[in-house]
Amino acid sequence: MRTTSFKLSRFIGPVSFYKYAFSLAIPLGITNLLAISMGALDTLMISWIHQVSAVGTATQIEVIALNVVWACAAGTGIYAIQFFGAGDYKNLKRCFGLSISCAAFVGILTYGVITFFSASILHFYIQNDEVIWNGCQYLRIAKYAYILMSFQLSFSVIYRNLGKPFYPFVIGMITFLMKMLWNVLLIFGYAGFPKLGIIGAPLASCIAHSIALAVNIILAYKTKQLFVGKIREMFSYDLSFIRRILPRIRPLLLNEILFGFGNTLFVKAFGFLGIEAMNAYYIGAKIGDLFFAVANGFSDSISSIIGISLGQGKLKEAGQQSMYLISMAIGLCLGAVILITCFSPFLVSLFEVQSASVLNNAIWIVRIFALRIGMRFFIVIIFGTLRTGGDTKALMFLDSGLMYMVGLSIAFGSILVFHVQSIVLVFLLCQTEYVLRILFGMMRYRKGLWKTNLVS
């Protein structure tokens, strides 16, 4: 009995630890929520002009592009956190400079891909000429916003890594309010503005993210953030510096490319079930994304807490902190499942849905997302811990590896081989991927290979 009590006590941290963890996780969760809400806002308002499938399909390119930018920012962030913990601010600036360089490259590359191949890409996901044409109109403007969003994401990630959630929270709020205002003005043509319909949404994104990027740059220099400096300080990295960081970034980058593309392949699979199934999934997914944002904020706080301890060489303390976070995840998991399940009909009712079958399927998809998000709170502990300790190869298997071997195999197999016609049943079966991710992830986590100081 004593042994059991002792073991359980290892997972219960002091109140001060949870206060600190929540002081990071709550603003980061809200910041992520605001960022995701902009996509949900587009889907909500676009649903009122009946263009959900067009925008939902078009933004699959955004999913891949921003996943790659995030991988670069998170990869350099592995070192940035530990350089910060070790007090090495010279290399901290270089890490941020490298992240900005990667964001510029990915943003410009995405612009080029959309310019020349947007119709072909959309045709891969759906074979509906009207949806493809409308999606191309959306992307014609959105490609400019993606460049701005890439830079903004680099700023957001570095603030989170350094345990400064207030700045991205404020900027996220400004961006969201600007996006909401300009969406209303440009999509529906209020206050004397032209009624632009589907292209009003990406134009609103360009305006909102331009303002947000300007605020990010001014704020970083005005508050003398440690990760910014003179141009030559931030971009003075050489090949030896890149070679030092690249081995940790490469698996993370490959994982995010595969994971981002894999997520879009679910859209391809569900597309075989028809436009109504796609509409139900897009609505359910956008609602689910709002709650995923909270879980990802939890992940960001884990990276900051554990990464700083690892950078200071406190490996035992980092291990204890990660166990404290497991008990925190249990409460968040139960709360998320109950909350989302209870409010799923209300959340779906906010969208303009004309078909009863789409409405019913969307509600059930949101309920399945409740289970998925509950499991996500455990997964972010595993992934955040492994990533912060540089165990990115194992992370690639757990993330994109299981997606392709399990999730996508079930999605395509159930539809094309077993001819399952219910989007709800197919999506439920796909959650096997998450169950296995927790099981295999905990096995890797318990080995403790992530307890590594990367900068000493």
Protein backbone atom coordinates (compact mmCIF):
# COMPACT_ATOMS: atom_id res chain seq x y z
CA MET A 1 0.00 0.00 0.00
CA ARG A 2 2.85 2.35 0.81
CA THR A 3 4.52 1.60 -2.49
CA THR A 4 1.37 2.42 -4.45
CA SER A 5 0.91 5.68 -2.57
CA PHE A 6 4.53 6.62 -3.20
CA LYS A 7 4.26 5.92 -6.89
CA LEU A 8 1.08 7.93 -7.20
CA SER A 9 2.66 10.84 -5.35
CA ARG A 10 5.29 11.09 -8.08
CA PHE A 11 2.58 12.28 -10.46
CA ILE A 12 1.18 14.94 -8.12
CA GLY A 13 3.17 18.17 -8.14
CA PRO A 14 3.10 21.17 -5.80
CA VAL A 15 0.41 23.79 -6.32
CA SER A 16 3.08 26.31 -7.37
CA PHE A 17 4.05 24.08 -10.31
CA TYR A 18 0.48 23.85 -11.60
CA LYS A 19 0.01 27.59 -11.19
CA TYR A 20 3.11 28.17 -13.30
CA ALA A 21 2.06 25.57 -15.88
CA PHE A 22 -1.43 27.06 -16.22
CA SER A 23 0.01 30.59 -16.35
CA LEU A 24 1.73 29.47 -19.56
CA ALA A 25 -0.87 27.03 -20.91
CA ILE A 26 -3.95 29.25 -20.60
CA PRO A 27 -2.69 32.26 -22.58
CA LEU A 28 -0.98 29.96 -25.09
CA GLY A 29 -4.19 27.95 -25.46
CA ILE A 30 -6.20 31.13 -25.98
CA THR A 31 -3.62 32.38 -28.50
CA ASN A 32 -3.87 29.12 -30.44
CA LEU A 33 -7.64 29.30 -30.14
CA LEU A 34 -7.65 32.77 -31.67
CA ALA A 35 -5.43 31.61 -34.54
CA ILE A 36 -7.62 28.58 -35.26
CA SER A 37 -10.76 30.67 -34.81
CA MET A 38 -9.77 32.70 -37.85
CA GLY A 39 -10.06 29.58 -39.99
CA ALA A 40 -13.32 28.65 -38.27
CA LEU A 41 -14.54 32.22 -38.82
CA ASP A 42 -13.92 31.84 -42.54
CA THR A 43 -15.78 28.52 -42.62
CA LEU A 44 -18.67 29.96 -40.58
CA MET A 45 -19.11 33.05 -42.75
CA ILE A 46 -18.45 31.18 -45.99
CA SER A 47 -21.15 28.67 -44.97
CA TRP A 48 -23.62 31.56 -45.15
CA ILE A 49 -22.81 31.91 -48.87
CA HIS A 50 -22.64 28.09 -49.33
CA GLN A 51 -18.94 27.75 -50.20
CA VAL A 52 -17.73 25.45 -47.40
CA SER A 53 -16.24 22.75 -49.64
CA ALA A 54 -14.39 25.28 -51.82
CA VAL A 55 -12.64 26.98 -48.91
CA GLY A 56 -12.16 23.75 -46.96
CA THR A 57 -10.44 22.08 -49.91
CA ALA A 58 -8.37 25.17 -50.80
CA THR A 59 -6.97 25.51 -47.29
CA GLN A 60 -5.38 22.05 -47.47
CA ILE A 61 -2.43 23.85 -49.08
CA GLU A 62 -2.30 26.15 -46.06
CA VAL A 63 -2.21 23.11 -43.75
CA ILE A 64 0.90 21.74 -45.45
CA ALA A 65 2.69 25.10 -45.74
CA LEU A 66 2.16 26.18 -42.15
CA ASN A 67 3.08 22.71 -40.87
CA VAL A 68 6.45 23.08 -42.60
CA VAL A 69 6.98 26.59 -41.18
CA TRP A 70 6.03 25.32 -37.73
CA ALA A 71 8.50 22.43 -38.07
CA CYS A 72 11.33 24.87 -38.88
CA ALA A 73 10.37 27.16 -35.99
CA ALA A 74 9.93 24.24 -33.58
CA GLY A 75 13.16 22.60 -34.77
CA THR A 76 15.24 25.73 -34.19
CA GLY A 77 13.17 26.25 -31.05
CA ILE A 78 14.52 23.01 -29.55
CA TYR A 79 17.89 24.74 -29.39
CA ALA A 80 16.50 28.23 -28.76
CA ILE A 81 14.87 27.09 -25.51
CA GLN A 82 18.04 25.44 -24.28
CA PHE A 83 20.28 28.36 -25.39
CA PHE A 84 17.92 30.62 -23.43
CA GLY A 85 18.11 28.35 -20.38
CA ALA A 86 21.93 28.33 -20.65
CA GLY A 87 22.11 32.16 -21.05
CA ASP A 88 23.64 31.94 -24.55
CA TYR A 89 21.78 34.85 -26.16
CA LYS A 90 24.10 35.15 -29.15
CA ASN A 91 23.06 31.74 -30.45
CA LEU A 92 19.46 32.41 -29.40
CA LYS A 93 19.39 35.30 -31.91
CA ARG A 94 20.90 33.06 -34.58
CA CYS A 95 18.21 30.45 -33.99
CA PHE A 96 15.51 33.04 -34.53
CA GLY A 97 17.25 34.36 -37.64
CA LEU A 98 17.37 30.85 -39.06
CA SER A 99 13.67 30.39 -38.28
CA ILE A 100 12.81 33.64 -40.12
CA SER A 101 14.90 32.54 -43.12
CA CYS A 102 13.05 29.23 -43.28
CA ALA A 103 9.69 31.02 -43.02
CA ALA A 104 10.61 33.29 -45.95
CA PHE A 105 11.65 30.32 -48.09
CA VAL A 106 8.50 28.30 -47.36
CA GLY A 107 6.21 31.30 -47.83
CA ILE A 108 7.68 32.17 -51.22
CA LEU A 109 7.69 28.51 -52.30
CA THR A 110 3.99 28.21 -51.34
CA TYR A 111 3.24 31.36 -53.35
CA GLY A 112 4.87 29.82 -56.43
CA VAL A 113 3.12 26.45 -56.04
CA ILE A 114 -0.29 28.10 -55.74
CA THR A 115 0.39 30.42 -58.69
CA PHE A 116 1.17 27.59 -61.10
CA PHE A 117 -0.50 24.47 -59.71
CA SER A 118 -3.55 25.46 -57.62
CA ALA A 119 -6.16 23.92 -59.97
CA SER A 120 -4.23 20.65 -60.28
CA ILE A 121 -3.82 20.39 -56.51
CA LEU A 122 -7.51 21.00 -55.84
CA HIS A 123 -8.46 18.48 -58.52
CA PHE A 124 -6.45 15.87 -56.62
CA TYR A 125 -8.75 16.27 -53.60
CA ILE A 126 -12.12 16.72 -55.25
CA GLN A 127 -13.57 16.27 -58.76
CA ASN A 128 -16.14 19.05 -58.78
CA ASP A 129 -15.48 21.85 -61.29
CA GLU A 130 -17.45 24.50 -59.41
CA VAL A 131 -15.69 23.74 -56.11
CA ILE A 132 -12.28 23.80 -57.84
CA TRP A 133 -12.99 27.13 -59.58
CA ASN A 134 -14.15 28.79 -56.36
CA GLY A 135 -11.20 27.33 -54.47
CA CYS A 136 -8.78 28.78 -57.02
CA GLN A 137 -10.39 32.20 -56.59
CA TYR A 138 -9.81 31.93 -52.84
CA LEU A 139 -6.17 30.88 -53.27
CA ARG A 140 -5.46 33.68 -55.77
CA ILE A 141 -5.55 36.10 -52.81
CA ALA A 142 -4.67 33.72 -49.95
CA LYS A 143 -1.17 33.03 -51.34
CA TYR A 144 -0.10 36.50 -50.18
CA ALA A 145 -1.53 35.92 -46.70
CA TYR A 146 0.44 32.67 -46.35
CA ILE A 147 3.75 34.55 -46.62
CA LEU A 148 2.68 36.94 -43.86
CA MET A 149 1.39 34.08 -41.71
CA SER A 150 4.73 32.25 -42.04
CA PHE A 151 6.66 35.16 -40.53
CA GLN A 152 4.05 35.69 -37.84
CA LEU A 153 4.24 32.01 -36.84
CA SER A 154 8.01 32.28 -36.29
CA PHE A 155 7.46 35.13 -33.83
CA SER A 156 4.67 33.29 -32.07
CA VAL A 157 6.69 30.09 -31.60
CA ILE A 158 9.78 31.83 -30.19
CA TYR A 159 7.69 33.75 -27.65
CA ARG A 160 6.04 30.52 -26.54
CA ASN A 161 9.34 28.68 -26.31
CA LEU A 162 10.77 31.34 -24.03
CA GLY A 163 7.77 31.23 -21.70
CA LYS A 164 6.37 34.62 -22.74
CA PRO A 165 2.77 33.85 -23.70
CA PHE A 166 1.41 37.37 -23.14
CA TYR A 167 2.86 38.85 -26.34
CA PRO A 168 1.43 36.30 -28.82
CA PHE A 169 -1.84 36.44 -26.88
CA VAL A 170 -2.20 40.21 -27.38
CA ILE A 171 -1.13 40.04 -31.03
CA GLY A 172 -3.44 37.08 -31.62
CA MET A 173 -6.36 39.06 -30.21
CA ILE A 174 -5.56 42.02 -32.48
CA THR A 175 -5.31 39.72 -35.51
CA PHE A 176 -8.60 37.98 -34.71
CA LEU A 177 -10.52 41.24 -34.25
CA MET A 178 -9.10 42.67 -37.49
CA LYS A 179 -9.92 39.45 -39.33
CA MET A 180 -13.50 39.39 -38.02
CA LEU A 181 -14.06 43.06 -38.92
CA TRP A 182 -12.68 42.83 -42.44
CA ASN A 183 -14.43 39.50 -43.09
CA VAL A 184 -17.79 41.14 -42.40
CA LEU A 185 -16.96 44.20 -44.48
CA LEU A 186 -15.52 42.39 -47.51
CA ILE A 187 -17.48 39.11 -47.70
CA PHE A 188 -20.91 40.72 -47.27
CA GLY A 189 -20.17 44.28 -48.43
CA TYR A 190 -21.17 46.28 -45.35
CA ALA A 191 -20.40 49.98 -44.67
CA GLY A 192 -20.01 50.82 -48.34
CA PHE A 193 -17.34 48.18 -49.07
CA PRO A 194 -17.70 45.97 -52.16
CA LYS A 195 -19.42 42.60 -51.67
CA LEU A 196 -16.55 40.25 -52.63
CA GLY A 197 -17.97 36.91 -51.45
CA ILE A 198 -15.43 34.11 -51.28
CA ILE A 199 -12.39 36.28 -52.10
CA GLY A 200 -13.28 38.67 -49.25
CA ALA A 201 -12.06 36.14 -46.69
CA PRO A 202 -8.42 35.83 -47.89
CA LEU A 203 -8.25 39.58 -48.53
CA ALA A 204 -9.30 40.12 -44.90
CA SER A 205 -6.51 37.70 -43.89
CA CYS A 206 -3.93 39.76 -45.81
CA ILE A 207 -4.99 42.94 -44.01
CA ALA A 208 -5.13 41.34 -40.55
CA HIS A 209 -1.80 39.52 -40.82
CA SER A 210 -0.03 42.59 -42.27
CA ILE A 211 -1.05 44.55 -39.18
CA ALA A 212 -0.08 41.65 -36.89
CA LEU A 213 3.38 41.25 -38.45
CA ALA A 214 4.07 44.97 -38.13
CA VAL A 215 3.03 44.85 -34.45
CA ASN A 216 5.24 41.79 -33.88
CA ILE A 217 8.35 43.50 -35.27
CA ILE A 218 7.78 46.81 -33.47
CA LEU A 219 6.92 45.12 -30.16
CA ALA A 220 9.95 42.80 -30.23
CA TYR A 221 12.38 45.69 -30.66
CA LYS A 222 10.56 48.13 -28.38
CA THR A 223 10.55 45.61 -25.51
CA LYS A 224 14.15 44.57 -26.32
CA GLN A 225 13.44 40.87 -26.63
CA LEU A 226 16.55 38.71 -26.30
CA PHE A 227 15.93 36.84 -29.56
CA VAL A 228 16.11 39.97 -31.78
CA GLY A 229 19.05 42.23 -32.50
CA LYS A 230 20.90 43.75 -35.41
CA ILE A 231 20.52 42.06 -38.78
CA ARG A 232 24.11 40.78 -38.71
CA GLU A 233 23.55 39.26 -35.26
CA MET A 234 20.41 37.37 -36.25
CA PHE A 235 21.60 36.17 -39.65
CA SER A 236 25.26 35.52 -38.84
CA TYR A 237 24.75 31.77 -38.69
CA ASP A 238 27.18 29.77 -40.80
CA LEU A 239 27.22 26.23 -42.15
CA SER A 240 28.68 24.83 -38.93
CA PHE A 241 25.77 26.32 -36.95
CA ILE A 242 23.24 24.92 -39.42
CA ARG A 243 24.93 21.50 -39.37
CA ARG A 244 24.68 21.51 -35.58
CA ILE A 245 20.93 22.12 -35.65
CA LEU A 246 19.98 20.30 -38.86
CA PRO A 247 20.11 16.72 -37.48
CA ARG A 248 17.33 17.64 -35.01
CA ILE A 249 15.34 19.66 -37.53
CA ARG A 250 15.45 17.15 -40.40
CA PRO A 251 13.24 14.43 -38.81
CA LEU A 252 10.88 17.09 -37.45
CA LEU A 253 10.64 18.77 -40.85
CA LEU A 254 10.09 15.49 -42.67
CA ASN A 255 7.50 14.52 -40.08
CA GLU A 256 5.53 17.77 -40.51
CA ILE A 257 5.60 17.49 -44.30
CA LEU A 258 4.33 13.92 -44.12
CA PHE A 259 1.88 14.73 -41.32
CA GLY A 260 0.53 17.83 -43.08
CA PHE A 261 0.11 16.00 -46.37
CA GLY A 262 -1.34 13.00 -44.54
CA ASN A 263 -4.00 15.20 -42.95
CA THR A 264 -5.01 16.38 -46.40
CA LEU A 265 -5.21 12.76 -47.58
CA PHE A 266 -8.04 12.20 -45.11
CA VAL A 267 -9.88 14.87 -47.12
CA LYS A 268 -9.08 12.91 -50.28
CA ALA A 269 -10.49 9.72 -48.70
CA PHE A 270 -13.63 11.39 -47.40
CA GLY A 271 -14.10 13.02 -50.80
CA PHE A 272 -15.08 9.61 -52.20
CA LEU A 273 -18.19 9.80 -50.01
CA GLY A 274 -19.49 12.93 -51.77
CA ILE A 275 -19.97 16.67 -51.20
CA GLU A 276 -22.38 16.24 -48.26
CA ALA A 277 -19.87 14.06 -46.40
CA MET A 278 -17.16 16.64 -47.10
CA ASN A 279 -19.31 19.49 -45.79
CA ALA A 280 -20.09 17.55 -42.60
CA TYR A 281 -16.41 16.77 -42.05
CA TYR A 282 -15.23 20.34 -42.72
CA ILE A 283 -17.75 21.77 -40.24
CA GLY A 284 -16.93 19.14 -37.60
CA ALA A 285 -13.19 19.53 -38.16
CA LYS A 286 -13.28 23.31 -37.78
CA ILE A 287 -15.13 22.99 -34.47
CA GLY A 288 -12.71 20.27 -33.37
CA ASP A 289 -9.75 22.48 -34.30
CA LEU A 290 -10.88 25.08 -31.78
CA PHE A 291 -10.40 22.59 -28.94
CA PHE A 292 -7.21 21.19 -30.46
CA ALA A 293 -5.82 24.70 -30.09
CA VAL A 294 -6.20 24.48 -26.32
CA ALA A 295 -4.41 21.12 -26.26
CA ASN A 296 -1.60 22.54 -28.40
CA GLY A 297 -1.25 25.44 -25.96
CA PHE A 298 -0.68 22.80 -23.29
CA SER A 299 2.01 21.29 -25.55
CA ASP A 300 3.75 24.65 -25.92
CA SER A 301 3.86 25.14 -22.16
CA ILE A 302 5.43 21.67 -21.79
CA SER A 303 8.17 22.61 -24.28
CA SER A 304 8.96 25.78 -22.37
CA ILE A 305 8.96 24.23 -18.87
CA ILE A 306 10.93 21.08 -19.69
CA GLY A 307 13.19 22.67 -22.31
CA ILE A 308 14.49 25.34 -19.93
CA SER A 309 15.22 22.69 -17.27
CA LEU A 310 17.10 20.56 -19.81
CA GLY A 311 19.07 23.61 -20.99
CA GLN A 312 20.11 24.27 -17.39
CA GLY A 313 21.28 20.66 -17.06
CA LYS A 314 18.51 19.76 -14.56
CA LEU A 315 17.67 16.43 -16.18
CA LYS A 316 16.14 14.84 -13.07
CA GLU A 317 13.93 17.88 -12.47
CA ALA A 318 12.75 17.80 -16.10
CA GLY A 319 11.75 14.14 -15.66
CA GLN A 320 9.78 14.94 -12.51
CA GLN A 321 8.05 17.88 -14.18
CA SER A 322 6.89 15.70 -17.06
CA MET A 323 5.26 13.28 -14.59
CA TYR A 324 3.45 16.14 -12.86
CA LEU A 325 1.99 17.10 -16.24
CA ILE A 326 0.46 13.64 -16.73
CA SER A 327 -1.96 14.14 -13.84
CA MET A 328 -2.79 17.57 -15.21
CA ALA A 329 -3.66 15.98 -18.55
CA ILE A 330 -6.15 13.55 -16.94
CA GLY A 331 -8.34 16.38 -15.66
CA LEU A 332 -8.14 18.28 -18.95
CA CYS A 333 -9.00 15.12 -20.87
CA LEU A 334 -12.19 14.44 -18.89
CA GLY A 335 -13.23 18.08 -19.02
CA ALA A 336 -12.75 18.31 -22.79
CA VAL A 337 -14.73 15.14 -23.55
CA ILE A 338 -17.71 16.18 -21.40
CA LEU A 339 -17.74 19.81 -22.60
CA ILE A 340 -17.49 19.11 -26.33
CA THR A 341 -19.99 16.23 -26.25
CA CYS A 342 -22.62 18.30 -24.44
CA PHE A 343 -22.31 21.38 -26.65
CA SER A 344 -21.83 19.66 -30.05
CA PRO A 345 -25.42 20.31 -31.31
CA PHE A 346 -25.21 24.00 -30.40
CA LEU A 347 -21.78 24.45 -32.01
CA VAL A 348 -22.88 22.87 -35.29
CA SER A 349 -26.10 24.93 -35.32
CA LEU A 350 -24.00 28.10 -35.69
CA PHE A 351 -23.20 27.09 -39.27
CA GLU A 352 -25.62 27.52 -42.15
CA VAL A 353 -26.50 23.88 -42.90
CA GLN A 354 -29.42 23.16 -45.24
CA SER A 355 -29.20 19.35 -45.28
CA ALA A 356 -30.46 17.36 -42.27
CA SER A 357 -27.96 14.55 -42.97
CA VAL A 358 -25.04 17.01 -43.05
CA LEU A 359 -26.23 18.50 -39.76
CA ASN A 360 -26.55 15.11 -38.04
CA ASN A 361 -23.21 13.82 -39.38
CA ALA A 362 -21.43 17.02 -38.34
CA ILE A 363 -22.75 16.65 -34.77
CA TRP A 364 -21.49 13.07 -34.54
CA ILE A 365 -18.12 14.04 -36.02
CA VAL A 366 -17.74 16.71 -33.34
CA ARG A 367 -18.53 14.07 -30.68
CA ILE A 368 -15.83 11.81 -32.09
CA PHE A 369 -13.48 14.79 -32.04
CA ALA A 370 -14.26 15.02 -28.30
CA LEU A 371 -12.66 11.58 -27.80
CA ARG A 372 -9.79 12.50 -30.13
CA ILE A 373 -9.07 15.74 -28.27
CA GLY A 374 -9.25 13.97 -24.91
CA MET A 375 -6.54 11.58 -26.09
CA ARG A 376 -4.63 14.54 -27.52
CA PHE A 377 -3.93 15.90 -24.03
CA PHE A 378 -1.90 12.77 -23.27
CA ILE A 379 -0.21 12.80 -26.66
CA VAL A 380 1.00 16.40 -26.32
CA ILE A 381 2.81 15.46 -23.10
CA ILE A 382 4.64 12.68 -24.92
CA PHE A 383 5.34 14.66 -28.08
CA GLY A 384 6.24 17.90 -26.29
CA THR A 385 8.67 16.06 -24.03
CA LEU A 386 10.30 14.00 -26.80
CA ARG A 387 10.61 17.04 -29.09
CA THR A 388 12.15 19.25 -26.39
CA GLY A 389 14.74 16.57 -25.64
CA GLY A 390 15.58 16.21 -29.35
CA ASP A 391 14.14 12.69 -29.76
CA THR A 392 12.69 13.69 -33.12
CA LYS A 393 13.22 10.38 -34.95
CA ALA A 394 10.93 8.54 -32.55
CA LEU A 395 8.50 11.43 -32.84
CA MET A 396 8.36 10.99 -36.61
CA PHE A 397 7.30 7.35 -36.24
CA LEU A 398 4.70 8.14 -33.59
CA ASP A 399 3.25 11.05 -35.54
CA SER A 400 3.35 10.59 -39.31
CA GLY A 401 4.35 6.91 -39.22
CA LEU A 402 1.23 5.81 -37.38
CA MET A 403 -0.91 8.18 -39.42
CA TYR A 404 0.05 6.44 -42.67
CA MET A 405 0.24 2.89 -41.34
CA VAL A 406 -2.97 3.04 -39.31
CA GLY A 407 -5.16 6.13 -39.78
CA LEU A 408 -4.97 6.54 -43.55
CA SER A 409 -4.96 2.79 -44.15
CA ILE A 410 -8.23 2.50 -42.22
CA ALA A 411 -9.75 5.53 -44.00
CA PHE A 412 -9.01 4.37 -47.55
CA GLY A 413 -9.50 0.69 -46.78
CA SER A 414 -12.91 1.11 -45.17
CA ILE A 415 -14.17 3.28 -48.05
CA LEU A 416 -12.57 1.68 -51.12
CA VAL A 417 -12.24 -1.96 -50.00
CA PHE A 418 -15.11 -2.48 -47.56
CA HIS A 419 -17.36 0.20 -49.15
CA VAL A 420 -18.37 1.85 -45.87
CA GLN A 421 -20.58 4.81 -46.84
CA SER A 422 -20.93 6.49 -43.42
CA ILE A 423 -18.49 9.34 -42.82
CA VAL A 424 -19.19 9.02 -39.08
CA LEU A 425 -18.26 5.32 -38.93
CA VAL A 426 -15.13 5.81 -41.05
CA PHE A 427 -13.97 8.70 -38.86
CA LEU A 428 -14.62 6.69 -35.69
CA LEU A 429 -12.54 3.75 -36.97
CA CYS A 430 -9.69 6.14 -37.77
CA GLN A 431 -9.31 6.97 -34.06
CA THR A 432 -7.46 3.64 -33.63
CA GLU A 433 -4.42 5.65 -34.72
CA TYR A 434 -4.66 7.83 -31.61
CA VAL A 435 -5.01 4.89 -29.24
CA LEU A 436 -1.86 3.27 -30.64
CA ARG A 437 -0.06 6.62 -30.53
CA ILE A 438 -0.62 6.81 -26.77
CA LEU A 439 0.50 3.21 -26.17
CA PHE A 440 3.69 3.36 -28.25
CA GLY A 441 4.41 6.93 -27.13
CA MET A 442 4.34 6.02 -23.45
CA MET A 443 6.73 3.15 -24.14
CA ARG A 444 9.21 5.56 -25.71
CA TYR A 445 8.69 8.23 -23.05
CA ARG A 446 9.44 5.78 -20.22
CA LYS A 447 12.86 4.94 -21.73
CA GLY A 448 13.97 8.48 -20.84
CA LEU A 449 16.17 9.00 -23.93
CA TRP A 450 14.76 12.52 -24.24
CA LYS A 451 16.54 13.65 -21.03
CA THR A 452 19.35 15.34 -22.94
CA ASN A 453 21.13 18.68 -22.68
CA LEU A 454 21.72 19.64 -26.33
CA VAL A 455 23.72 22.83 -25.83
CA SER A 456 26.42 21.91 -23.31
